[in-house]
Amino acid sequence: MPVMLEQQQLDSVFQELDLAKQQMETFCARAASGALVPAEVHGAVLEQLKLVVNELEMCVDQLQRQQDQVQTLLAQNQALEQINQALRKEISAHQSMQAALQYQAQQERLLDLITHRIRKSLELDDILRTTVDEVRQFLQVDRVVIYRFKPDLSGVVTVESVTTPRYSILSSVIEDPCFRDIYVEKYKQGRIQAMDDIYAADINPCYVHLLEQYQVWANLVVPIAEGESLWGLLIASQCSGPRPWEATDIVLMGRLSGQIAIAIQQSQLYEQVQRLATIDELTQVANRRRFEAHYDKTWRQALRDQGPLTLMMGDIDFFKPYNDTYGHPAGDACLKQIAAVLSSVLKRPGDLVARYGGEEFIMVLPDTDLAGAQHIADEILAKVRDLGIKHRTSALGYVTLSIGCISLTPSPGRQPQNAIKAADNALYRAKNEGRNRAILFELVDPSGPFDPGN
């Protein structure tokens, strides 16, 4: 590497140059005055000038080399800067890719969570609540709701997750014609609507007004399909201000909509299976399996509350002769009509009518004492008679029903199965005493007999 020219060297050269200049000025002055200048002095001055010129030439050469070196360093520095810029771009691209991969991984974890919940739970409400909570936290928005359509294309907000209660619109019913007539049809066609700012979006003013009512500033709406029909909408909203929706947000919401559709289908299939497992196929009232589960639950509730409970058993009078006379299709029709009467009388949420076997039905009536049971039994008998189903092998000429009933307040020493036996014994007495009647028995003393025959 060439030696850099130092300031001391330059100072020395300039000093010698000044000295040569002074000598030349002296030499010229003497020459101008006519004085003779000795030859040796003349030669010394020339020699001094030659030395100065040589040193100047060396300095110039060295300065030129230094300039070349500086140019080389500048070129190298520029090349290094270009390399640095390329590296920064590559690092930025790598960071962007890493962020995108991280976001995608988070999306996949969210989808896995929802998918796992769908596989684990058959409760649709539980799945939907988890979905809106996770989506709101993932997207960092003010509100996420699921809106379900009714047959008339109005709808209700069935599930929501909000950052603050003031953004809550749970159970809100939307019957706005602007929304129904203009936008629902688009959602039926699978359209996804993303609005960063409703005031800058190209939408109908009536829709802006509707969204304002629900504090919406930015909206991302994805349809939820049920087969070929529109089940509802998955909606993410920013209420505090505008929000740009990324393409990844839209893709995520679309994928989640598909998972929700699967959950809906799975839940409906489960409900159908449950219904088939708990409903008597012929009469469409509860079957014996459903009765046993409901009766056990009702007994335990009455035991805790120390409230009255009535158990009723009904049996169609002379049903075997009816089948023999009119045939089994007529017998099936008769069973359906009797079941319909029982269901029309027992209308409270906790009441249950079940087919116990053959032509026998059993009824559970919580919070019902003996007086209430008597009223219900009389109404049932009257409505069965009013059906006027012909039965020529019966003494009355039409189909009737016999009822056995027990009313009690469950106690720890009683077994629920014994109450069923007591109701059955009461039914037996009703048959023996002429049918078309109800025998009711009330257990007042918890330690008393559990048999209406005693």
Protein backbone atom coordinates (compact mmCIF):
# COMPACT_ATOMS: atom_id res chain seq x y z
CA MET A 1 0.00 0.00 0.00
CA PRO A 2 1.58 3.42 -0.96
CA VAL A 3 2.76 5.73 1.83
CA MET A 4 0.48 8.69 2.31
CA LEU A 5 2.07 12.15 1.88
CA GLU A 6 2.35 13.81 5.31
CA GLN A 7 2.00 17.50 6.18
CA GLN A 8 5.64 17.62 7.51
CA GLN A 9 6.97 16.58 4.14
CA LEU A 10 4.96 19.30 2.41
CA ASP A 11 6.17 21.92 4.90
CA SER A 12 9.78 20.92 4.23
CA VAL A 13 9.34 21.21 0.47
CA PHE A 14 7.71 24.62 0.79
CA GLN A 15 10.54 25.84 3.06
CA GLU A 16 13.13 24.78 0.49
CA LEU A 17 11.06 26.46 -2.22
CA ASP A 18 10.99 29.72 -0.21
CA LEU A 19 14.73 29.53 0.31
CA ALA A 20 15.33 29.00 -3.42
CA LYS A 21 13.02 31.90 -4.17
CA GLN A 22 14.95 34.19 -1.81
CA GLN A 23 18.26 33.15 -3.37
CA MET A 24 16.86 33.78 -6.86
CA GLU A 25 15.63 37.21 -5.83
CA THR A 26 19.07 38.06 -4.42
CA PHE A 27 20.76 36.69 -7.54
CA CYS A 28 18.49 38.70 -9.82
CA ALA A 29 18.98 41.90 -7.81
CA ARG A 30 22.75 41.66 -8.01
CA ALA A 31 22.54 40.92 -11.70
CA ALA A 32 20.30 43.93 -12.25
CA SER A 33 22.77 46.19 -10.43
CA GLY A 34 25.58 45.08 -12.70
CA ALA A 35 27.38 43.17 -10.01
CA LEU A 36 29.06 40.02 -11.02
CA VAL A 37 27.69 36.83 -9.56
CA PRO A 38 30.29 34.22 -8.93
CA ALA A 39 29.86 31.09 -10.99
CA GLU A 40 29.78 28.89 -7.96
CA VAL A 41 26.89 30.91 -6.54
CA HIS A 42 25.06 30.66 -9.83
CA GLY A 43 25.59 26.90 -9.90
CA ALA A 44 24.49 26.47 -6.28
CA VAL A 45 21.26 28.31 -6.96
CA LEU A 46 20.53 26.19 -10.01
CA GLU A 47 21.32 23.06 -8.08
CA GLN A 48 18.97 24.16 -5.31
CA LEU A 49 16.21 24.82 -7.85
CA LYS A 50 16.70 21.37 -9.39
CA LEU A 51 16.35 19.78 -5.95
CA VAL A 52 13.18 21.72 -5.24
CA VAL A 53 11.73 20.83 -8.64
CA ASN A 54 12.54 17.15 -8.08
CA GLU A 55 10.92 17.18 -4.68
CA LEU A 56 7.87 18.94 -6.11
CA GLU A 57 7.59 16.34 -8.83
CA MET A 58 7.81 13.62 -6.20
CA CYS A 59 5.08 15.33 -4.16
CA VAL A 60 2.87 15.65 -7.23
CA ASP A 61 3.38 11.96 -8.05
CA GLN A 62 2.64 10.99 -4.48
CA LEU A 63 -0.46 13.22 -4.40
CA GLN A 64 -1.65 11.65 -7.65
CA ARG A 65 -1.20 8.19 -6.17
CA GLN A 66 -3.10 9.29 -3.07
CA GLN A 67 -5.91 10.68 -5.25
CA ASP A 68 -6.09 7.40 -7.14
CA GLN A 69 -6.24 5.56 -3.84
CA VAL A 70 -9.04 7.84 -2.60
CA GLN A 71 -10.99 7.20 -5.82
CA THR A 72 -10.50 3.48 -5.34
CA LEU A 73 -11.73 3.72 -1.75
CA LEU A 74 -14.74 5.78 -2.85
CA ALA A 75 -15.60 3.19 -5.50
CA GLN A 76 -15.24 0.43 -2.91
CA ASN A 77 -17.40 2.37 -0.47
CA GLN A 78 -20.08 2.84 -3.15
CA ALA A 79 -19.99 -0.86 -3.93
CA LEU A 80 -20.28 -1.66 -0.23
CA GLU A 81 -23.27 0.71 0.06
CA GLN A 82 -24.98 -1.05 -2.85
CA ILE A 83 -24.32 -4.38 -1.14
CA ASN A 84 -25.73 -2.97 2.11
CA GLN A 85 -28.86 -1.76 0.32
CA ALA A 86 -29.34 -5.16 -1.26
CA LEU A 87 -28.86 -6.80 2.14
CA ARG A 88 -31.37 -4.43 3.77
CA LYS A 89 -33.92 -5.25 1.06
CA GLU A 90 -33.29 -8.94 1.53
CA ILE A 91 -33.62 -8.61 5.33
CA SER A 92 -36.84 -6.62 4.90
CA ALA A 93 -38.22 -9.22 2.49
CA HIS A 94 -37.20 -11.97 4.90
CA GLN A 95 -38.88 -10.16 7.82
CA SER A 96 -42.04 -9.65 5.75
CA MET A 97 -42.04 -13.30 4.80
CA GLN A 98 -41.43 -14.29 8.42
CA ALA A 99 -44.30 -12.05 9.57
CA ALA A 100 -46.58 -13.52 6.89
CA LEU A 101 -45.62 -17.06 7.92
CA GLN A 102 -46.18 -16.21 11.56
CA TYR A 103 -49.60 -14.74 10.77
CA GLN A 104 -50.46 -17.80 8.69
CA ALA A 105 -49.35 -20.03 11.57
CA GLN A 106 -51.61 -18.08 13.93
CA GLN A 107 -54.47 -18.47 11.46
CA GLU A 108 -53.89 -22.21 11.31
CA ARG A 109 -53.81 -22.44 15.12
CA LEU A 110 -57.12 -20.56 15.28
CA LEU A 111 -58.68 -22.83 12.65
CA ASP A 112 -57.32 -25.88 14.47
CA LEU A 113 -58.88 -24.62 17.70
CA ILE A 114 -62.28 -24.15 16.08
CA THR A 115 -62.03 -27.49 14.27
CA HIS A 116 -61.09 -29.23 17.53
CA ARG A 117 -64.02 -27.60 19.30
CA ILE A 118 -66.36 -28.78 16.52
CA ARG A 119 -65.08 -32.34 16.85
CA LYS A 120 -65.18 -32.25 20.65
CA SER A 121 -68.54 -30.57 21.20
CA LEU A 122 -71.94 -31.13 19.64
CA GLU A 123 -73.31 -27.98 21.25
CA LEU A 124 -73.60 -25.41 18.46
CA ASP A 125 -73.93 -22.44 20.84
CA ASP A 126 -70.68 -23.39 22.55
CA ILE A 127 -68.86 -23.63 19.21
CA LEU A 128 -70.22 -20.29 18.00
CA ARG A 129 -69.27 -18.50 21.24
CA THR A 130 -65.73 -19.82 21.01
CA THR A 131 -65.52 -18.73 17.37
CA VAL A 132 -66.55 -15.10 17.92
CA ASP A 133 -64.30 -14.74 20.98
CA GLU A 134 -61.23 -16.11 19.19
CA VAL A 135 -61.85 -14.15 15.98
CA ARG A 136 -62.28 -10.85 17.81
CA GLN A 137 -59.04 -11.34 19.71
CA PHE A 138 -57.17 -12.49 16.60
CA LEU A 139 -58.32 -9.61 14.38
CA GLN A 140 -58.18 -7.09 17.25
CA VAL A 141 -61.57 -5.60 16.39
CA ASP A 142 -64.28 -4.07 18.54
CA ARG A 143 -67.01 -6.61 17.83
CA VAL A 144 -67.63 -9.98 16.16
CA VAL A 145 -71.16 -11.33 15.85
CA ILE A 146 -73.07 -14.16 14.24
CA TYR A 147 -76.34 -13.06 12.69
CA ARG A 148 -78.94 -15.72 11.89
CA PHE A 149 -81.63 -15.29 9.26
CA LYS A 150 -85.28 -16.06 9.82
CA PRO A 151 -87.51 -17.48 7.05
CA ASP A 152 -88.75 -13.97 6.18
CA LEU A 153 -85.10 -12.83 5.76
CA SER A 154 -85.16 -10.69 8.86
CA GLY A 155 -82.72 -11.92 11.45
CA VAL A 156 -81.31 -11.76 14.95
CA VAL A 157 -77.82 -11.44 16.47
CA THR A 158 -77.49 -14.77 18.25
CA VAL A 159 -73.85 -14.69 19.42
CA GLU A 160 -71.40 -11.85 19.97
CA SER A 161 -68.01 -10.92 21.42
CA VAL A 162 -67.27 -7.25 22.21
CA THR A 163 -64.42 -5.22 23.70
CA THR A 164 -66.83 -3.13 25.77
CA PRO A 165 -70.52 -3.48 26.71
CA ARG A 166 -71.44 -0.27 24.88
CA TYR A 167 -70.83 -2.06 21.56
CA SER A 168 -73.18 -4.94 22.44
CA ILE A 169 -76.04 -5.66 20.01
CA LEU A 170 -76.83 -9.20 21.21
CA SER A 171 -80.41 -10.34 20.47
CA SER A 172 -80.96 -7.32 18.18
CA VAL A 173 -83.53 -8.09 15.47
CA ILE A 174 -82.89 -6.49 12.07
CA GLU A 175 -85.94 -6.12 9.85
CA ASP A 176 -84.70 -3.23 7.72
CA PRO A 177 -86.04 -3.42 4.11
CA CYS A 178 -82.90 -1.71 2.77
CA PHE A 179 -80.75 -4.52 4.11
CA ARG A 180 -83.21 -7.26 3.16
CA ASP A 181 -84.02 -6.06 -0.35
CA ILE A 182 -80.58 -4.88 -1.49
CA TYR A 183 -77.88 -6.80 0.32
CA VAL A 184 -79.28 -10.16 1.44
CA GLU A 185 -79.53 -11.36 -2.17
CA LYS A 186 -75.83 -10.59 -2.66
CA TYR A 187 -74.93 -12.63 0.41
CA LYS A 188 -77.04 -15.48 -0.96
CA GLN A 189 -74.70 -15.48 -3.95
CA GLY A 190 -71.70 -15.91 -1.64
CA ARG A 191 -70.51 -12.31 -1.73
CA ILE A 192 -68.01 -11.16 0.94
CA GLN A 193 -68.24 -7.48 1.81
CA ALA A 194 -65.23 -5.62 3.24
CA MET A 195 -65.60 -1.91 4.05
CA ASP A 196 -62.66 -0.05 5.59
CA ASP A 197 -64.82 3.03 6.16
CA ILE A 198 -68.58 3.05 5.60
CA TYR A 199 -68.47 6.78 4.86
CA ALA A 200 -65.97 6.30 2.04
CA ALA A 201 -67.57 3.10 0.66
CA ASP A 202 -69.81 3.05 -2.39
CA ILE A 203 -72.96 1.85 -0.62
CA ASN A 204 -76.58 2.94 -0.46
CA PRO A 205 -77.23 5.80 2.02
CA CYS A 206 -79.97 3.75 3.67
CA TYR A 207 -77.38 1.06 4.45
CA VAL A 208 -75.02 3.67 5.93
CA HIS A 209 -77.87 4.82 8.16
CA LEU A 210 -78.56 1.23 9.24
CA LEU A 211 -74.89 0.59 10.08
CA GLU A 212 -74.71 3.84 12.04
CA GLN A 213 -77.51 2.58 14.28
CA TYR A 214 -75.28 -0.33 15.28
CA GLN A 215 -72.11 1.81 15.71
CA VAL A 216 -70.39 0.27 12.68
CA TRP A 217 -67.52 2.24 11.11
CA ALA A 218 -65.67 -0.57 9.33
CA ASN A 219 -67.27 -3.90 8.45
CA LEU A 220 -66.22 -7.32 7.18
CA VAL A 221 -69.19 -9.57 6.39
CA VAL A 222 -68.98 -13.22 5.30
CA PRO A 223 -72.05 -15.37 4.51
CA ILE A 224 -72.62 -18.67 6.31
CA ALA A 225 -74.22 -21.23 4.03
CA GLU A 226 -76.46 -24.13 4.94
CA GLY A 227 -76.40 -26.32 1.89
CA GLU A 228 -77.82 -24.18 -0.91
CA SER A 229 -79.47 -21.67 1.42
CA LEU A 230 -78.19 -18.74 3.48
CA TRP A 231 -78.07 -19.58 7.19
CA GLY A 232 -76.53 -16.37 8.52
CA LEU A 233 -73.58 -13.98 8.53
CA LEU A 234 -70.23 -13.83 10.32
CA ILE A 235 -69.53 -10.12 10.90
CA ALA A 236 -66.40 -8.39 12.23
CA SER A 237 -66.88 -4.68 12.98
CA GLN A 238 -64.70 -1.78 14.04
CA CYS A 239 -66.84 0.69 15.95
CA SER A 240 -64.21 3.21 17.10
CA GLY A 241 -62.99 4.26 13.65
CA PRO A 242 -61.98 3.11 10.14
CA ARG A 243 -60.00 -0.12 9.75
CA PRO A 244 -58.24 -1.46 6.67
CA TRP A 245 -59.04 -5.13 6.06
CA GLU A 246 -56.13 -7.21 4.81
CA ALA A 247 -56.58 -9.93 2.22
CA THR A 248 -55.50 -12.43 4.89
CA ASP A 249 -58.35 -11.23 7.14
CA ILE A 250 -60.87 -11.91 4.39
CA VAL A 251 -59.42 -15.36 3.68
CA LEU A 252 -59.52 -16.23 7.38
CA MET A 253 -63.15 -15.17 7.76
CA GLY A 254 -64.09 -17.17 4.69
CA ARG A 255 -62.42 -20.30 6.05
CA LEU A 256 -64.06 -19.83 9.45
CA SER A 257 -67.43 -19.46 7.75
CA GLY A 258 -66.87 -22.87 6.20
CA GLN A 259 -66.05 -24.36 9.62
CA ILE A 260 -69.20 -22.81 11.10
CA ALA A 261 -71.26 -24.34 8.28
CA ILE A 262 -69.78 -27.74 9.16
CA ALA A 263 -70.64 -27.20 12.84
CA ILE A 264 -74.22 -26.27 11.92
CA GLN A 265 -74.64 -29.36 9.78
CA GLN A 266 -73.09 -31.55 12.48
CA SER A 267 -75.36 -30.05 15.15
CA GLN A 268 -78.46 -30.59 13.03
CA LEU A 269 -77.52 -34.20 12.38
CA TYR A 270 -76.93 -34.69 16.10
CA GLU A 271 -80.34 -33.18 16.89
CA GLN A 272 -81.97 -35.50 14.37
CA VAL A 273 -80.22 -38.51 15.88
CA GLN A 274 -81.19 -37.39 19.37
CA ARG A 275 -84.77 -36.93 18.28
CA LEU A 276 -84.85 -40.37 16.70
CA ALA A 277 -83.36 -41.80 19.89
CA THR A 278 -85.86 -40.13 22.23
CA ILE A 279 -89.10 -39.84 20.21
CA ASP A 280 -91.60 -42.59 19.58
CA GLU A 281 -91.72 -42.93 15.82
CA LEU A 282 -95.44 -43.64 15.59
CA THR A 283 -96.97 -41.15 18.03
CA GLN A 284 -94.18 -38.50 17.97
CA VAL A 285 -94.25 -38.15 21.76
CA ALA A 286 -91.28 -39.08 23.97
CA ASN A 287 -90.26 -42.72 24.06
CA ARG A 288 -89.57 -44.73 27.21
CA ARG A 289 -85.86 -43.91 27.17
CA ARG A 290 -86.61 -40.19 27.13
CA PHE A 291 -89.20 -40.62 29.90
CA GLU A 292 -86.75 -42.39 32.20
CA ALA A 293 -84.11 -39.66 31.82
CA HIS A 294 -86.65 -36.85 32.25
CA TYR A 295 -88.39 -38.51 35.21
CA ASP A 296 -85.11 -39.05 37.04
CA LYS A 297 -84.13 -35.41 36.55
CA THR A 298 -87.59 -34.14 37.58
CA TRP A 299 -87.65 -36.36 40.69
CA ARG A 300 -84.27 -35.07 41.85
CA GLN A 301 -85.34 -31.47 41.24
CA ALA A 302 -88.55 -31.97 43.25
CA LEU A 303 -86.55 -33.65 46.00
CA ARG A 304 -84.22 -30.63 46.23
CA ASP A 305 -87.06 -28.09 46.07
CA GLN A 306 -89.49 -30.19 48.14
CA GLY A 307 -92.14 -29.40 45.57
CA PRO A 308 -95.11 -31.54 44.48
CA LEU A 309 -94.79 -34.04 41.63
CA THR A 310 -97.53 -35.95 39.84
CA LEU A 311 -97.10 -39.11 37.79
CA MET A 312 -99.94 -40.23 35.53
CA MET A 313 -100.43 -43.43 33.55
CA GLY A 314 -103.07 -43.75 30.85
CA ASP A 315 -104.21 -46.83 28.94
CA ILE A 316 -106.64 -47.04 26.01
CA ASP A 317 -109.65 -49.14 27.01
CA PHE A 318 -110.26 -52.35 25.07
CA PHE A 319 -107.48 -51.57 22.63
CA LYS A 320 -106.76 -55.18 21.63
CA PRO A 321 -110.38 -55.75 20.52
CA TYR A 322 -110.19 -52.43 18.68
CA ASN A 323 -107.12 -53.64 16.75
CA ASP A 324 -108.76 -56.98 16.05
CA THR A 325 -111.93 -55.28 14.80
CA TYR A 326 -110.56 -52.39 12.76
CA GLY A 327 -107.04 -53.56 11.95
CA HIS A 328 -103.60 -52.34 12.95
CA PRO A 329 -103.54 -49.24 10.67
CA ALA A 330 -106.68 -48.00 12.46
CA GLY A 331 -105.05 -48.88 15.77
CA ASP A 332 -102.00 -46.82 14.85
CA ALA A 333 -104.21 -43.88 13.90
CA CYS A 334 -106.01 -44.19 17.23
CA LEU A 335 -102.72 -44.11 19.14
CA LYS A 336 -101.66 -40.95 17.28
CA GLN A 337 -104.91 -39.18 18.14
CA ILE A 338 -104.69 -40.09 21.82
CA ALA A 339 -101.05 -38.93 21.92
CA ALA A 340 -102.07 -35.63 20.31
CA VAL A 341 -104.73 -35.09 22.99
CA LEU A 342 -102.27 -35.75 25.81
CA SER A 343 -99.72 -33.37 24.26
CA SER A 344 -102.36 -30.65 23.87
CA VAL A 345 -103.24 -30.80 27.58
CA LEU A 346 -99.70 -31.04 29.00
CA LYS A 347 -98.21 -27.83 27.59
CA ARG A 348 -95.84 -26.53 30.26
CA PRO A 349 -92.07 -26.72 29.57
CA GLY A 350 -91.45 -29.29 32.33
CA ASP A 351 -94.41 -31.54 31.43
CA LEU A 352 -93.72 -34.72 29.49
CA VAL A 353 -95.90 -37.20 27.63
CA ALA A 354 -94.29 -40.51 26.70
CA ARG A 355 -95.41 -43.74 25.15
CA TYR A 356 -94.67 -46.33 27.83
CA GLY A 357 -95.48 -49.39 25.73
CA GLY A 358 -98.25 -50.65 23.45
CA GLU A 359 -101.39 -48.60 24.15
CA GLU A 360 -100.04 -47.25 27.45
CA PHE A 361 -98.83 -43.68 28.03
CA ILE A 362 -97.09 -42.11 31.01
CA MET A 363 -97.04 -38.42 31.98
CA VAL A 364 -94.74 -36.41 34.26
CA LEU A 365 -96.15 -33.22 35.78
CA PRO A 366 -93.73 -31.27 38.03
CA ASP A 367 -95.09 -28.70 40.51
CA THR A 368 -98.53 -30.31 40.30
CA ASP A 369 -100.52 -31.30 43.40
CA LEU A 370 -103.58 -33.56 43.61
CA ALA A 371 -106.08 -30.82 42.77
CA GLY A 372 -104.11 -29.84 39.69
CA ALA A 373 -103.78 -33.50 38.68
CA GLN A 374 -107.56 -34.00 39.01
CA HIS A 375 -108.23 -31.06 36.71
CA ILE A 376 -105.77 -32.32 34.10
CA ALA A 377 -107.10 -35.90 34.25
CA ASP A 378 -110.69 -34.70 33.77
CA GLU A 379 -109.65 -32.58 30.77
CA ILE A 380 -107.83 -35.53 29.18
CA LEU A 381 -110.78 -37.90 29.62
CA ALA A 382 -113.21 -35.35 28.17
CA LYS A 383 -111.03 -34.62 25.14
CA VAL A 384 -110.54 -38.33 24.41
CA ARG A 385 -114.28 -38.86 24.52
CA ASP A 386 -114.77 -35.83 22.28
CA LEU A 387 -112.65 -37.48 19.61
CA GLY A 388 -115.59 -39.81 19.02
CA ILE A 389 -113.45 -42.64 17.69
CA LYS A 390 -115.91 -45.48 17.00
CA HIS A 391 -115.35 -48.69 18.94
CA ARG A 392 -118.23 -51.11 18.59
CA THR A 393 -116.69 -53.71 20.93
CA SER A 394 -116.69 -51.15 23.77
CA ALA A 395 -119.81 -50.77 25.94
CA LEU A 396 -119.86 -47.02 25.20
CA GLY A 397 -119.36 -47.44 21.44
CA TYR A 398 -116.33 -45.14 21.28
CA VAL A 399 -112.71 -45.14 22.41
CA THR A 400 -112.05 -44.15 26.04
CA LEU A 401 -109.06 -43.90 28.32
CA SER A 402 -108.38 -45.02 31.90
CA ILE A 403 -105.94 -43.08 34.08
CA GLY A 404 -104.02 -43.93 37.25
CA CYS A 405 -102.31 -41.08 39.09
CA ILE A 406 -100.15 -40.45 42.13
CA SER A 407 -99.23 -37.06 43.56
CA LEU A 408 -96.49 -36.71 46.16
CA THR A 409 -93.56 -34.70 47.41
CA PRO A 410 -90.40 -36.83 46.98
CA SER A 411 -88.46 -37.63 50.14
CA PRO A 412 -84.99 -39.17 50.63
CA GLY A 413 -86.46 -42.51 51.69
CA ARG A 414 -88.62 -42.89 48.58
CA GLN A 415 -87.56 -44.51 45.31
CA PRO A 416 -88.85 -42.99 42.06
CA GLN A 417 -89.51 -46.45 40.63
CA ASN A 418 -92.02 -47.14 43.40
CA ALA A 419 -94.05 -44.10 42.36
CA ILE A 420 -94.37 -45.62 38.87
CA LYS A 421 -95.66 -48.85 40.46
CA ALA A 422 -98.14 -46.85 42.52
CA ALA A 423 -99.46 -45.03 39.42
CA ASP A 424 -99.73 -48.39 37.63
CA ASN A 425 -101.72 -49.81 40.57
CA ALA A 426 -104.04 -46.81 40.41
CA LEU A 427 -104.52 -47.47 36.69
CA TYR A 428 -105.35 -51.10 37.47
CA ARG A 429 -108.04 -49.93 39.90
CA ALA A 430 -109.48 -47.59 37.25
CA LYS A 431 -109.77 -50.53 34.87
CA ASN A 432 -111.41 -52.73 37.50
CA GLU A 433 -113.89 -50.03 38.49
CA GLY A 434 -115.31 -49.70 34.97
CA ARG A 435 -112.73 -47.86 32.86
CA ASN A 436 -113.19 -44.39 31.31
CA ARG A 437 -112.17 -42.83 34.59
CA ALA A 438 -109.23 -41.62 36.63
CA ILE A 439 -108.12 -42.93 40.02
CA LEU A 440 -105.92 -40.46 41.84
CA PHE A 441 -103.90 -41.10 44.94
CA GLU A 442 -101.98 -38.56 47.06
CA LEU A 443 -99.14 -39.57 49.33
CA VAL A 444 -99.26 -37.19 52.29
CA ASP A 445 -97.27 -39.11 54.91
CA PRO A 446 -93.70 -39.65 53.67
CA SER A 447 -93.49 -42.79 55.79
CA GLY A 448 -96.92 -44.07 54.73
CA PRO A 449 -97.67 -46.85 52.23
CA PHE A 450 -96.76 -46.29 48.62
CA ASP A 451 -99.76 -48.24 47.29
CA PRO A 452 -103.17 -46.84 46.37
CA GLY A 453 -104.66 -50.26 46.93
CA ASN A 454 -104.05 -50.07 50.69
